[in-house]
Amino acid sequence: MEPLRAIPTVSDVHAAATRLMGVAVRTPLLSFPVLDAAAGRRVLVKPETLQRTGSFKFRGAYNRIAQIAPGQRAAGVVAWSSGNHAQGVAAAAGLLGLNATIVMPADAPAAKIARTRALGAEVVTYDRVRESREEIGKGIAAARGAVIVPPFDDPDVIAGQGTVGLEIAADCALLGVAPEAVVVPASGGGLLAGIALAMAERFPAARVMSAEPAGFDDHARSFASGRRERNDALSGSICDALLMPTPGEITFEINRTLVAGGVSVSDAEVEAAMRFAFAEMKLVVEPGGAVALAAVLAGRIGAARTVAVVLSGGNVDTGTYAGIIANPDAEIS
């Protein structure tokens, strides 16, 4: 087994913020009276749906690629992703003048594949049930001498995602608000780990929590057992961005000590949260990006009176989104 790579610190998150200044969008921290009323508490919303490429993933990708040595850049970068990391890597590589090759599941939303190609990346598809995206990506990188940009289990990627947490903390301080909980969508755990590092510096009493689809709650189960647990299935939820089989090694090393626990929500609750965001908040949120909002609306996060919620992405196929928004059947419990 390879030795665990360096664990990033909050200093690395601050360094990432400097690199991203003027490049990434500094998304706002929003408040909606209608959401507060529905949730029965004060909810502060961090809409990374408004980020470059429509998700937080641009932050980590740019922070990683920007640090590639000049002599290594000619061979380009390789990444694997269900869509949001793909677009983040493609955009960051384009800005920095590198070629990008992305390994994506064949069943990823068509819009994510199309946008990744539109950003200039080469896309290689695979079967997420029968094939390993890591093996395919590593093979391409080895053949070309390219640099791999992992989707979450990388110190520089984690540090870049952590800038979301720095901004939440800074805006809460400006508002004179101390969040009691911060709810974060989790797949591999990079965003969760980065935010946990940032919040521990400024608001150590805040309970950082993971939110996941029901049946894919490997983080919640891992926090309960103290070791990295695996999901039984690799597909079967509308939250396509959150279907990693197990938490990352580096991310779990951070999260097991800084994250208070995890919650899960059903696909119906996710769809209800997406409809709420559309109708009441005027925001487009993809299924995986809506799990934290769904957890708050479904009353899964305990008694915290002030909660920060991350909407991690807004990249969803038009047809899928239209069908969800038009369906009033699933209600928030």
C-alpha atoms as a PDB file:
ATOM      1  CA  MET A   1       0.000   0.000   0.000  1.00  0.00           C
ATOM      2  CA  GLU A   2       1.275   3.467  -0.875  1.00  0.00           C
ATOM      3  CA  PRO A   3       2.102   5.706   2.114  1.00  0.00           C
ATOM      4  CA  LEU A   4      -0.543   8.308   2.930  1.00  0.00           C
ATOM      5  CA  ARG A   5       0.267  11.583   1.242  1.00  0.00           C
ATOM      6  CA  ALA A   6       0.637  14.802   3.208  1.00  0.00           C
ATOM      7  CA  ILE A   7      -2.402  15.905   5.167  1.00  0.00           C
ATOM      8  CA  PRO A   8      -3.290  19.501   4.234  1.00  0.00           C
ATOM      9  CA  THR A   9      -3.609  22.134   6.941  1.00  0.00           C
ATOM     10  CA  VAL A  10      -5.603  25.327   7.190  1.00  0.00           C
ATOM     11  CA  SER A  11      -2.457  27.176   6.075  1.00  0.00           C
ATOM     12  CA  ASP A  12      -2.704  25.287   2.782  1.00  0.00           C
ATOM     13  CA  VAL A  13      -6.329  26.413   2.488  1.00  0.00           C
ATOM     14  CA  HIS A  14      -5.286  30.040   2.943  1.00  0.00           C
ATOM     15  CA  ALA A  15      -2.560  29.612   0.312  1.00  0.00           C
ATOM     16  CA  ALA A  16      -5.177  28.189  -2.053  1.00  0.00           C
ATOM     17  CA  ALA A  17      -7.379  31.219  -1.447  1.00  0.00           C
ATOM     18  CA  THR A  18      -4.526  33.452  -2.591  1.00  0.00           C
ATOM     19  CA  ARG A  19      -4.098  31.442  -5.810  1.00  0.00           C
ATOM     20  CA  LEU A  20      -7.822  31.513  -6.504  1.00  0.00           C
ATOM     21  CA  MET A  21      -8.267  35.219  -5.845  1.00  0.00           C
ATOM     22  CA  GLY A  22      -9.650  36.873  -8.963  1.00  0.00           C
ATOM     23  CA  VAL A  23     -10.037  33.500 -10.700  1.00  0.00           C
ATOM     24  CA  ALA A  24     -12.739  31.641  -8.766  1.00  0.00           C
ATOM     25  CA  VAL A  25     -16.066  33.297  -8.011  1.00  0.00           C
ATOM     26  CA  ARG A  26     -16.399  34.371  -4.393  1.00  0.00           C
ATOM     27  CA  THR A  27     -19.914  33.067  -3.971  1.00  0.00           C
ATOM     28  CA  PRO A  28     -22.176  34.856  -1.460  1.00  0.00           C
ATOM     29  CA  LEU A  29     -23.733  33.543   1.744  1.00  0.00           C
ATOM     30  CA  LEU A  30     -27.460  33.967   1.230  1.00  0.00           C
ATOM     31  CA  SER A  31     -30.454  34.128   3.556  1.00  0.00           C
ATOM     32  CA  PHE A  32     -34.064  33.365   2.601  1.00  0.00           C
ATOM     33  CA  PRO A  33     -36.886  34.101   5.075  1.00  0.00           C
ATOM     34  CA  VAL A  34     -39.038  31.475   3.350  1.00  0.00           C
ATOM     35  CA  LEU A  35     -36.324  28.861   3.909  1.00  0.00           C
ATOM     36  CA  ASP A  36     -35.922  29.863   7.558  1.00  0.00           C
ATOM     37  CA  ALA A  37     -39.662  29.433   8.023  1.00  0.00           C
ATOM     38  CA  ALA A  38     -39.734  26.035   6.298  1.00  0.00           C
ATOM     39  CA  ALA A  39     -36.718  24.759   8.247  1.00  0.00           C
ATOM     40  CA  GLY A  40     -37.696  26.266  11.578  1.00  0.00           C
ATOM     41  CA  ARG A  41     -34.258  27.809  12.077  1.00  0.00           C
ATOM     42  CA  ARG A  42     -31.887  30.314  10.493  1.00  0.00           C
ATOM     43  CA  VAL A  43     -30.303  28.859   7.371  1.00  0.00           C
ATOM     44  CA  LEU A  44     -27.374  30.455   5.546  1.00  0.00           C
ATOM     45  CA  VAL A  45     -26.908  29.160   2.008  1.00  0.00           C
ATOM     46  CA  LYS A  46     -23.582  28.914   0.184  1.00  0.00           C
ATOM     47  CA  PRO A  47     -24.527  28.592  -3.527  1.00  0.00           C
ATOM     48  CA  GLU A  48     -21.549  27.008  -5.264  1.00  0.00           C
ATOM     49  CA  THR A  49     -24.034  26.519  -8.092  1.00  0.00           C
ATOM     50  CA  LEU A  50     -22.895  30.044  -9.026  1.00  0.00           C
ATOM     51  CA  GLN A  51     -19.237  29.021  -9.131  1.00  0.00           C
ATOM     52  CA  ARG A  52     -17.274  28.819 -12.351  1.00  0.00           C
ATOM     53  CA  THR A  53     -18.429  25.647 -14.244  1.00  0.00           C
ATOM     54  CA  GLY A  54     -21.435  25.416 -11.909  1.00  0.00           C
ATOM     55  CA  SER A  55     -19.831  23.669  -8.921  1.00  0.00           C
ATOM     56  CA  PHE A  56     -17.194  23.980  -6.199  1.00  0.00           C
ATOM     57  CA  LYS A  57     -14.918  21.578  -8.080  1.00  0.00           C
ATOM     58  CA  PHE A  58     -13.218  24.357 -10.031  1.00  0.00           C
ATOM     59  CA  ARG A  59     -11.538  25.544  -6.831  1.00  0.00           C
ATOM     60  CA  GLY A  60      -9.635  22.337  -6.086  1.00  0.00           C
ATOM     61  CA  ALA A  61      -8.809  21.651  -9.710  1.00  0.00           C
ATOM     62  CA  TYR A  62      -7.307  25.086 -10.262  1.00  0.00           C
ATOM     63  CA  ASN A  63      -5.330  24.978  -7.016  1.00  0.00           C
ATOM     64  CA  ARG A  64      -3.808  21.623  -8.006  1.00  0.00           C
ATOM     65  CA  ILE A  65      -3.052  22.430 -11.653  1.00  0.00           C
ATOM     66  CA  ALA A  66      -1.624  25.874 -10.866  1.00  0.00           C
ATOM     67  CA  GLN A  67       1.133  24.177  -8.850  1.00  0.00           C
ATOM     68  CA  ILE A  68       2.296  21.789 -11.583  1.00  0.00           C
ATOM     69  CA  ALA A  69       5.922  22.509 -12.413  1.00  0.00           C
ATOM     70  CA  PRO A  70       6.513  24.135 -15.827  1.00  0.00           C
ATOM     71  CA  GLY A  71       8.496  21.128 -17.043  1.00  0.00           C
ATOM     72  CA  GLN A  72       5.553  18.800 -16.413  1.00  0.00           C
ATOM     73  CA  ARG A  73       2.857  20.866 -18.124  1.00  0.00           C
ATOM     74  CA  ALA A  74       3.436  19.883 -21.758  1.00  0.00           C
ATOM     75  CA  ALA A  75       2.029  16.375 -21.254  1.00  0.00           C
ATOM     76  CA  GLY A  76      -1.172  17.770 -19.800  1.00  0.00           C
ATOM     77  CA  VAL A  77      -3.387  16.446 -17.027  1.00  0.00           C
ATOM     78  CA  VAL A  78      -5.685  13.438 -16.573  1.00  0.00           C
ATOM     79  CA  ALA A  79      -8.687  13.222 -14.261  1.00  0.00           C
ATOM     80  CA  TRP A  80     -11.686  10.974 -13.615  1.00  0.00           C
ATOM     81  CA  SER A  81     -15.107  12.300 -12.707  1.00  0.00           C
ATOM     82  CA  SER A  82     -18.869  11.875 -13.043  1.00  0.00           C
ATOM     83  CA  GLY A  83     -19.037  15.430 -14.311  1.00  0.00           C
ATOM     84  CA  ASN A  84     -18.354  18.336 -11.967  1.00  0.00           C
ATOM     85  CA  HIS A  85     -14.667  17.624 -11.345  1.00  0.00           C
ATOM     86  CA  ALA A  86     -14.395  16.958 -15.075  1.00  0.00           C
ATOM     87  CA  GLN A  87     -15.617  20.433 -15.905  1.00  0.00           C
ATOM     88  CA  GLY A  88     -13.521  22.016 -13.165  1.00  0.00           C
ATOM     89  CA  VAL A  89     -10.344  20.351 -14.445  1.00  0.00           C
ATOM     90  CA  ALA A  90     -11.158  21.179 -18.062  1.00  0.00           C
ATOM     91  CA  ALA A  91     -11.753  24.846 -17.243  1.00  0.00           C
ATOM     92  CA  ALA A  92      -8.713  25.174 -14.984  1.00  0.00           C
ATOM     93  CA  ALA A  93      -6.432  23.433 -17.470  1.00  0.00           C
ATOM     94  CA  GLY A  94      -7.680  25.692 -20.250  1.00  0.00           C
ATOM     95  CA  LEU A  95      -7.009  28.827 -18.203  1.00  0.00           C
ATOM     96  CA  LEU A  96      -3.504  27.600 -17.398  1.00  0.00           C
ATOM     97  CA  GLY A  97      -2.714  26.418 -20.942  1.00  0.00           C
ATOM     98  CA  LEU A  98      -2.653  22.641 -20.376  1.00  0.00           C
ATOM     99  CA  ASN A  99      -4.367  19.835 -22.279  1.00  0.00           C
ATOM    100  CA  ALA A 100      -6.851  17.785 -20.235  1.00  0.00           C
ATOM    101  CA  THR A 101      -8.161  14.236 -20.632  1.00  0.00           C
ATOM    102  CA  ILE A 102     -11.126  13.225 -18.487  1.00  0.00           C
ATOM    103  CA  VAL A 103     -12.395   9.687 -17.801  1.00  0.00           C
ATOM    104  CA  MET A 104     -16.182   9.893 -17.315  1.00  0.00           C
ATOM    105  CA  PRO A 105     -18.896   7.273 -16.749  1.00  0.00           C
ATOM    106  CA  ALA A 106     -20.945   6.595 -19.853  1.00  0.00           C
ATOM    107  CA  ASP A 107     -24.129   7.169 -17.835  1.00  0.00           C
ATOM    108  CA  ALA A 108     -23.088  10.605 -16.568  1.00  0.00           C
ATOM    109  CA  PRO A 109     -25.582  13.366 -17.417  1.00  0.00           C
ATOM    110  CA  ALA A 110     -25.198  14.225 -21.096  1.00  0.00           C
ATOM    111  CA  ALA A 111     -24.959  17.919 -20.261  1.00  0.00           C
ATOM    112  CA  LYS A 112     -21.881  17.314 -18.080  1.00  0.00           C
ATOM    113  CA  ILE A 113     -20.120  15.316 -20.805  1.00  0.00           C
ATOM    114  CA  ALA A 114     -20.981  17.912 -23.444  1.00  0.00           C
ATOM    115  CA  ARG A 115     -19.808  20.809 -21.300  1.00  0.00           C
ATOM    116  CA  THR A 116     -16.553  19.056 -20.474  1.00  0.00           C
ATOM    117  CA  ARG A 117     -15.834  18.638 -24.165  1.00  0.00           C
ATOM    118  CA  ALA A 118     -16.895  22.233 -24.842  1.00  0.00           C
ATOM    119  CA  LEU A 119     -14.289  23.384 -22.327  1.00  0.00           C
ATOM    120  CA  GLY A 120     -11.625  21.761 -24.524  1.00  0.00           C
ATOM    121  CA  ALA A 121     -11.038  18.444 -22.758  1.00  0.00           C
ATOM    122  CA  GLU A 122     -10.800  15.009 -24.347  1.00  0.00           C
ATOM    123  CA  VAL A 123     -13.437  12.706 -22.803  1.00  0.00           C
ATOM    124  CA  VAL A 124     -12.924   8.940 -22.430  1.00  0.00           C
ATOM    125  CA  THR A 125     -16.053   7.095 -21.238  1.00  0.00           C
ATOM    126  CA  TYR A 126     -16.279   3.887 -19.166  1.00  0.00           C
ATOM    127  CA  ASP A 127     -18.839   1.583 -17.518  1.00  0.00           C
ATOM    128  CA  ARG A 128     -18.948   2.573 -13.832  1.00  0.00           C
ATOM    129  CA  VAL A 129     -20.220  -0.880 -12.766  1.00  0.00           C
ATOM    130  CA  ARG A 130     -17.749  -3.074 -14.672  1.00  0.00           C
ATOM    131  CA  GLU A 131     -14.681  -0.880 -15.149  1.00  0.00           C
ATOM    132  CA  SER A 132     -12.343   1.103 -12.896  1.00  0.00           C
ATOM    133  CA  ARG A 133     -11.992   4.744 -13.798  1.00  0.00           C
ATOM    134  CA  GLU A 134      -8.817   4.968 -11.731  1.00  0.00           C
ATOM    135  CA  GLU A 135      -7.157   2.167 -13.676  1.00  0.00           C
ATOM    136  CA  ILE A 136      -8.153   3.702 -17.001  1.00  0.00           C
ATOM    137  CA  GLY A 137      -6.981   7.162 -15.968  1.00  0.00           C
ATOM    138  CA  LYS A 138      -3.694   5.948 -14.535  1.00  0.00           C
ATOM    139  CA  GLY A 139      -3.033   4.003 -17.724  1.00  0.00           C
ATOM    140  CA  ILE A 140      -3.562   7.087 -19.882  1.00  0.00           C
ATOM    141  CA  ALA A 141      -1.387   9.213 -17.598  1.00  0.00           C
ATOM    142  CA  ALA A 142       1.429   6.658 -17.627  1.00  0.00           C
ATOM    143  CA  ALA A 143       1.368   6.385 -21.418  1.00  0.00           C
ATOM    144  CA  ARG A 144       1.471  10.143 -21.916  1.00  0.00           C
ATOM    145  CA  GLY A 145       3.500  11.253 -18.910  1.00  0.00           C
ATOM    146  CA  ALA A 146       0.542  13.392 -17.817  1.00  0.00           C
ATOM    147  CA  VAL A 147      -0.150  14.611 -14.283  1.00  0.00           C
ATOM    148  CA  ILE A 148      -3.158  13.114 -12.503  1.00  0.00           C
ATOM    149  CA  VAL A 149      -5.592  15.532 -10.844  1.00  0.00           C
ATOM    150  CA  PRO A 150      -7.617  13.376  -8.411  1.00  0.00           C
ATOM    151  CA  PRO A 151     -11.232  14.339  -7.699  1.00  0.00           C
ATOM    152  CA  PHE A 152     -10.839  14.511  -3.922  1.00  0.00           C
ATOM    153  CA  ASP A 153      -8.011  12.532  -2.309  1.00  0.00           C
ATOM    154  CA  ASP A 154      -5.233  15.045  -2.923  1.00  0.00           C
ATOM    155  CA  PRO A 155      -3.874  17.691  -0.516  1.00  0.00           C
ATOM    156  CA  ASP A 156      -3.999  20.525  -3.063  1.00  0.00           C
ATOM    157  CA  VAL A 157      -7.505  19.622  -4.225  1.00  0.00           C
ATOM    158  CA  ILE A 158      -8.744  19.473  -0.622  1.00  0.00           C
ATOM    159  CA  ALA A 159      -7.113  22.819   0.142  1.00  0.00           C
ATOM    160  CA  GLY A 160      -8.785  24.407  -2.864  1.00  0.00           C
ATOM    161  CA  GLN A 161     -12.203  23.111  -1.828  1.00  0.00           C
ATOM    162  CA  GLY A 162     -11.540  24.418   1.662  1.00  0.00           C
ATOM    163  CA  THR A 163     -11.768  27.975   0.382  1.00  0.00           C
ATOM    164  CA  VAL A 164     -15.556  27.454   0.429  1.00  0.00           C
ATOM    165  CA  GLY A 165     -15.241  27.111   4.196  1.00  0.00           C
ATOM    166  CA  LEU A 166     -13.011  30.158   4.531  1.00  0.00           C
ATOM    167  CA  GLU A 167     -15.655  32.233   2.775  1.00  0.00           C
ATOM    168  CA  ILE A 168     -18.471  30.830   4.914  1.00  0.00           C
ATOM    169  CA  ALA A 169     -16.502  31.624   8.071  1.00  0.00           C
ATOM    170  CA  ALA A 170     -15.582  35.130   6.914  1.00  0.00           C
ATOM    171  CA  ASP A 171     -19.163  35.975   5.950  1.00  0.00           C
ATOM    172  CA  CYS A 172     -20.562  34.579   9.196  1.00  0.00           C
ATOM    173  CA  ALA A 173     -18.094  36.750  11.107  1.00  0.00           C
ATOM    174  CA  LEU A 174     -19.201  39.817   9.137  1.00  0.00           C
ATOM    175  CA  LEU A 175     -22.820  38.997   9.960  1.00  0.00           C
ATOM    176  CA  GLY A 176     -21.987  38.505  13.610  1.00  0.00           C
ATOM    177  CA  VAL A 177     -23.337  34.953  13.414  1.00  0.00           C
ATOM    178  CA  ALA A 178     -21.785  31.803  14.856  1.00  0.00           C
ATOM    179  CA  PRO A 179     -23.101  28.792  12.891  1.00  0.00           C
ATOM    180  CA  GLU A 180     -23.955  25.842  15.104  1.00  0.00           C
ATOM    181  CA  ALA A 181     -23.866  23.409  12.190  1.00  0.00           C
ATOM    182  CA  VAL A 182     -22.464  23.329   8.651  1.00  0.00           C
ATOM    183  CA  VAL A 183     -24.019  20.712   6.353  1.00  0.00           C
ATOM    184  CA  VAL A 184     -21.966  19.619   3.343  1.00  0.00           C
ATOM    185  CA  PRO A 185     -22.690  17.192   0.483  1.00  0.00           C
ATOM    186  CA  ALA A 186     -20.187  14.324   0.566  1.00  0.00           C
ATOM    187  CA  SER A 187     -18.930  11.875  -2.047  1.00  0.00           C
ATOM    188  CA  GLY A 188     -15.184  11.316  -1.670  1.00  0.00           C
ATOM    189  CA  GLY A 189     -15.059  13.854   1.146  1.00  0.00           C
ATOM    190  CA  GLY A 190     -12.769  16.539  -0.299  1.00  0.00           C
ATOM    191  CA  LEU A 191     -15.199  19.429   0.083  1.00  0.00           C
ATOM    192  CA  LEU A 192     -16.178  18.175   3.528  1.00  0.00           C
ATOM    193  CA  ALA A 193     -12.534  17.933   4.642  1.00  0.00           C
ATOM    194  CA  GLY A 194     -11.589  21.352   3.295  1.00  0.00           C
ATOM    195  CA  ILE A 195     -14.567  23.034   4.934  1.00  0.00           C
ATOM    196  CA  ALA A 196     -13.891  21.190   8.197  1.00  0.00           C
ATOM    197  CA  LEU A 197     -10.324  22.539   8.242  1.00  0.00           C
ATOM    198  CA  ALA A 198     -11.512  26.092   7.620  1.00  0.00           C
ATOM    199  CA  MET A 199     -14.335  26.021  10.157  1.00  0.00           C
ATOM    200  CA  ALA A 200     -12.110  24.512  12.865  1.00  0.00           C
ATOM    201  CA  GLU A 201      -9.892  27.575  12.659  1.00  0.00           C
ATOM    202  CA  ARG A 202     -12.581  30.221  13.117  1.00  0.00           C
ATOM    203  CA  PHE A 203     -15.683  28.470  14.452  1.00  0.00           C
ATOM    204  CA  PRO A 204     -14.426  25.330  16.230  1.00  0.00           C
ATOM    205  CA  ALA A 205     -17.754  24.841  18.036  1.00  0.00           C
ATOM    206  CA  ALA A 206     -19.659  24.470  14.754  1.00  0.00           C
ATOM    207  CA  ARG A 207     -20.739  20.885  14.019  1.00  0.00           C
ATOM    208  CA  VAL A 208     -19.644  20.070  10.469  1.00  0.00           C
ATOM    209  CA  MET A 209     -21.866  17.298   9.066  1.00  0.00           C
ATOM    210  CA  SER A 210     -21.889  15.232   5.878  1.00  0.00           C
ATOM    211  CA  ALA A 211     -25.061  14.804   3.821  1.00  0.00           C
ATOM    212  CA  GLU A 212     -25.428  11.818   1.470  1.00  0.00           C
ATOM    213  CA  PRO A 213     -28.062   9.910  -0.496  1.00  0.00           C
ATOM    214  CA  ALA A 214     -29.796   7.061   1.356  1.00  0.00           C
ATOM    215  CA  GLY A 215     -28.028   3.797   0.599  1.00  0.00           C
ATOM    216  CA  PHE A 216     -24.804   5.634  -0.187  1.00  0.00           C
ATOM    217  CA  ASP A 217     -24.041   6.958   3.309  1.00  0.00           C
ATOM    218  CA  ASP A 218     -20.511   5.596   3.571  1.00  0.00           C
ATOM    219  CA  HIS A 219     -19.319   8.711   5.406  1.00  0.00           C
ATOM    220  CA  ALA A 220     -22.008   8.508   8.079  1.00  0.00           C
ATOM    221  CA  ARG A 221     -21.293   4.808   8.629  1.00  0.00           C
ATOM    222  CA  SER A 222     -17.541   5.425   8.638  1.00  0.00           C
ATOM    223  CA  PHE A 223     -17.851   8.109  11.306  1.00  0.00           C
ATOM    224  CA  ALA A 224     -19.926   5.719  13.404  1.00  0.00           C
ATOM    225  CA  SER A 225     -17.504   2.785  13.086  1.00  0.00           C
ATOM    226  CA  GLY A 226     -14.244   4.736  13.061  1.00  0.00           C
ATOM    227  CA  ARG A 227     -13.029   3.112   9.840  1.00  0.00           C
ATOM    228  CA  ARG A 228     -13.683   3.611   6.123  1.00  0.00           C
ATOM    229  CA  GLU A 229     -16.874   1.762   5.187  1.00  0.00           C
ATOM    230  CA  ARG A 230     -18.004   0.876   1.662  1.00  0.00           C
ATOM    231  CA  ASN A 231     -21.346   1.178  -0.081  1.00  0.00           C
ATOM    232  CA  ASP A 232     -22.907  -2.039  -1.345  1.00  0.00           C
ATOM    233  CA  ALA A 233     -23.997  -0.484  -4.668  1.00  0.00           C
ATOM    234  CA  LEU A 234     -22.259   1.730  -7.222  1.00  0.00           C
ATOM    235  CA  SER A 235     -25.437   3.132  -8.769  1.00  0.00           C
ATOM    236  CA  GLY A 236     -29.108   3.545  -7.910  1.00  0.00           C
ATOM    237  CA  SER A 237     -29.582   7.165  -6.810  1.00  0.00           C
ATOM    238  CA  ILE A 238     -30.421  10.312  -8.742  1.00  0.00           C
ATOM    239  CA  CYS A 239     -27.471  11.934  -6.950  1.00  0.00           C
ATOM    240  CA  ASP A 240     -24.967  10.885  -9.626  1.00  0.00           C
ATOM    241  CA  ALA A 241     -22.247  13.169  -8.249  1.00  0.00           C
ATOM    242  CA  LEU A 242     -22.243  11.426  -4.838  1.00  0.00           C
ATOM    243  CA  LEU A 243     -21.795   7.750  -5.651  1.00  0.00           C
ATOM    244  CA  MET A 244     -18.210   7.072  -4.592  1.00  0.00           C
ATOM    245  CA  PRO A 245     -17.930   3.633  -2.948  1.00  0.00           C
ATOM    246  CA  THR A 246     -15.941   4.767   0.096  1.00  0.00           C
ATOM    247  CA  PRO A 247     -14.405   7.908   1.666  1.00  0.00           C
ATOM    248  CA  GLY A 248     -10.916   8.864   0.552  1.00  0.00           C
ATOM    249  CA  GLU A 249      -7.899   7.983   2.684  1.00  0.00           C
ATOM    250  CA  ILE A 250      -6.684  11.550   3.141  1.00  0.00           C
ATOM    251  CA  THR A 251     -10.169  13.010   3.428  1.00  0.00           C
ATOM    252  CA  PHE A 252     -11.217  10.490   6.081  1.00  0.00           C
ATOM    253  CA  GLU A 253      -8.048  11.132   8.073  1.00  0.00           C
ATOM    254  CA  ILE A 254      -9.194  14.756   8.338  1.00  0.00           C
ATOM    255  CA  ASN A 255     -12.922  14.153   8.647  1.00  0.00           C
ATOM    256  CA  ARG A 256     -12.834  11.456  11.289  1.00  0.00           C
ATOM    257  CA  THR A 257     -11.598  14.004  13.826  1.00  0.00           C
ATOM    258  CA  LEU A 258     -13.212  17.236  12.590  1.00  0.00           C
ATOM    259  CA  VAL A 259     -16.646  16.108  11.363  1.00  0.00           C
ATOM    260  CA  ALA A 260     -19.406  15.562  13.908  1.00  0.00           C
ATOM    261  CA  GLY A 261     -21.314  12.933  11.923  1.00  0.00           C
ATOM    262  CA  GLY A 262     -23.438  12.382   8.860  1.00  0.00           C
ATOM    263  CA  VAL A 263     -27.042  12.231   7.707  1.00  0.00           C
ATOM    264  CA  SER A 264     -28.744  10.792   4.650  1.00  0.00           C
ATOM    265  CA  VAL A 265     -31.801  11.684   2.579  1.00  0.00           C
ATOM    266  CA  SER A 266     -34.008   9.857   0.100  1.00  0.00           C
ATOM    267  CA  ASP A 267     -34.190  10.666  -3.591  1.00  0.00           C
ATOM    268  CA  ALA A 268     -37.744  11.942  -2.996  1.00  0.00           C
ATOM    269  CA  GLU A 269     -36.457  14.364  -0.354  1.00  0.00           C
ATOM    270  CA  VAL A 270     -33.712  15.516  -2.721  1.00  0.00           C
ATOM    271  CA  GLU A 271     -36.267  16.168  -5.453  1.00  0.00           C
ATOM    272  CA  ALA A 272     -38.438  18.108  -3.003  1.00  0.00           C
ATOM    273  CA  ALA A 273     -35.424  20.242  -2.036  1.00  0.00           C
ATOM    274  CA  MET A 274     -34.671  20.919  -5.706  1.00  0.00           C
ATOM    275  CA  ARG A 275     -38.243  22.085  -6.212  1.00  0.00           C
ATOM    276  CA  PHE A 276     -38.018  24.285  -3.138  1.00  0.00           C
ATOM    277  CA  ALA A 277     -34.773  25.855  -4.359  1.00  0.00           C
ATOM    278  CA  PHE A 278     -36.353  26.530  -7.749  1.00  0.00           C
ATOM    279  CA  ALA A 279     -39.697  27.886  -6.540  1.00  0.00           C
ATOM    280  CA  GLU A 280     -38.687  29.741  -3.388  1.00  0.00           C
ATOM    281  CA  MET A 281     -34.978  30.544  -3.756  1.00  0.00           C
ATOM    282  CA  LYS A 282     -34.813  30.927  -7.552  1.00  0.00           C
ATOM    283  CA  LEU A 283     -31.762  28.657  -7.710  1.00  0.00           C
ATOM    284  CA  VAL A 284     -31.072  25.667  -9.967  1.00  0.00           C
ATOM    285  CA  VAL A 285     -29.502  22.836  -7.961  1.00  0.00           C
ATOM    286  CA  GLU A 286     -28.533  19.390  -9.211  1.00  0.00           C
ATOM    287  CA  PRO A 287     -29.533  16.322  -7.164  1.00  0.00           C
ATOM    288  CA  GLY A 288     -26.141  15.773  -5.533  1.00  0.00           C
ATOM    289  CA  GLY A 289     -25.858  19.475  -4.838  1.00  0.00           C
ATOM    290  CA  ALA A 290     -29.190  19.503  -3.016  1.00  0.00           C
ATOM    291  CA  VAL A 291     -28.610  16.798  -0.386  1.00  0.00           C
ATOM    292  CA  ALA A 292     -27.567  19.198   2.381  1.00  0.00           C
ATOM    293  CA  LEU A 293     -30.578  21.422   1.751  1.00  0.00           C
ATOM    294  CA  ALA A 294     -32.774  18.307   1.715  1.00  0.00           C
ATOM    295  CA  ALA A 295     -31.369  17.222   5.085  1.00  0.00           C
ATOM    296  CA  VAL A 296     -32.222  20.590   6.626  1.00  0.00           C
ATOM    297  CA  LEU A 297     -35.725  20.686   5.150  1.00  0.00           C
ATOM    298  CA  ALA A 298     -36.361  17.102   6.270  1.00  0.00           C
ATOM    299  CA  GLY A 299     -35.326  17.934   9.843  1.00  0.00           C
ATOM    300  CA  ARG A 300     -32.319  15.594   9.959  1.00  0.00           C
ATOM    301  CA  ILE A 301     -29.734  17.872  11.565  1.00  0.00           C
ATOM    302  CA  GLY A 302     -30.795  18.099  15.182  1.00  0.00           C
ATOM    303  CA  ALA A 303     -31.557  21.238  17.188  1.00  0.00           C
ATOM    304  CA  ALA A 304     -28.999  23.646  15.694  1.00  0.00           C
ATOM    305  CA  ARG A 305     -30.609  27.092  15.490  1.00  0.00           C
ATOM    306  CA  THR A 306     -28.240  28.571  12.892  1.00  0.00           C
ATOM    307  CA  VAL A 307     -27.087  26.340  10.045  1.00  0.00           C
ATOM    308  CA  ALA A 308     -24.897  26.917   7.004  1.00  0.00           C
ATOM    309  CA  VAL A 309     -25.759  24.756   3.999  1.00  0.00           C
ATOM    310  CA  VAL A 310     -23.631  24.208   0.896  1.00  0.00           C
ATOM    311  CA  LEU A 311     -25.339  23.847  -2.484  1.00  0.00           C
ATOM    312  CA  SER A 312     -22.395  22.138  -4.149  1.00  0.00           C
ATOM    313  CA  GLY A 313     -23.461  22.101  -7.811  1.00  0.00           C
ATOM    314  CA  GLY A 314     -26.088  23.065 -10.346  1.00  0.00           C
ATOM    315  CA  ASN A 315     -25.213  20.924 -13.373  1.00  0.00           C
ATOM    316  CA  VAL A 316     -28.265  18.868 -14.255  1.00  0.00           C
ATOM    317  CA  ASP A 317     -29.714  17.694 -17.579  1.00  0.00           C
ATOM    318  CA  THR A 318     -32.570  19.907 -18.740  1.00  0.00           C
ATOM    319  CA  GLY A 319     -34.957  16.988 -19.220  1.00  0.00           C
ATOM    320  CA  THR A 320     -34.160  15.467 -15.831  1.00  0.00           C
ATOM    321  CA  TYR A 321     -34.532  18.804 -14.112  1.00  0.00           C
ATOM    322  CA  ALA A 322     -37.792  19.653 -15.855  1.00  0.00           C
ATOM    323  CA  GLY A 323     -39.245  16.307 -14.839  1.00  0.00           C
ATOM    324  CA  ILE A 324     -38.304  16.797 -11.188  1.00  0.00           C
ATOM    325  CA  ILE A 325     -39.544  20.376 -11.004  1.00  0.00           C
ATOM    326  CA  ALA A 326     -42.852  19.474 -12.651  1.00  0.00           C
ATOM    327  CA  ASN A 327     -43.528  16.540 -10.286  1.00  0.00           C
ATOM    328  CA  PRO A 328     -45.264  17.638  -7.074  1.00  0.00           C
ATOM    329  CA  ASP A 329     -45.771  14.136  -5.703  1.00  0.00           C
ATOM    330  CA  ALA A 330     -42.770  13.797  -3.369  1.00  0.00           C
ATOM    331  CA  GLU A 331     -43.253  15.988  -0.333  1.00  0.00           C
ATOM    332  CA  ILE A 332     -40.734  17.162   2.257  1.00  0.00           C
ATOM    333  CA  SER A 333     -41.288  15.073   5.384  1.00  0.00           C
END
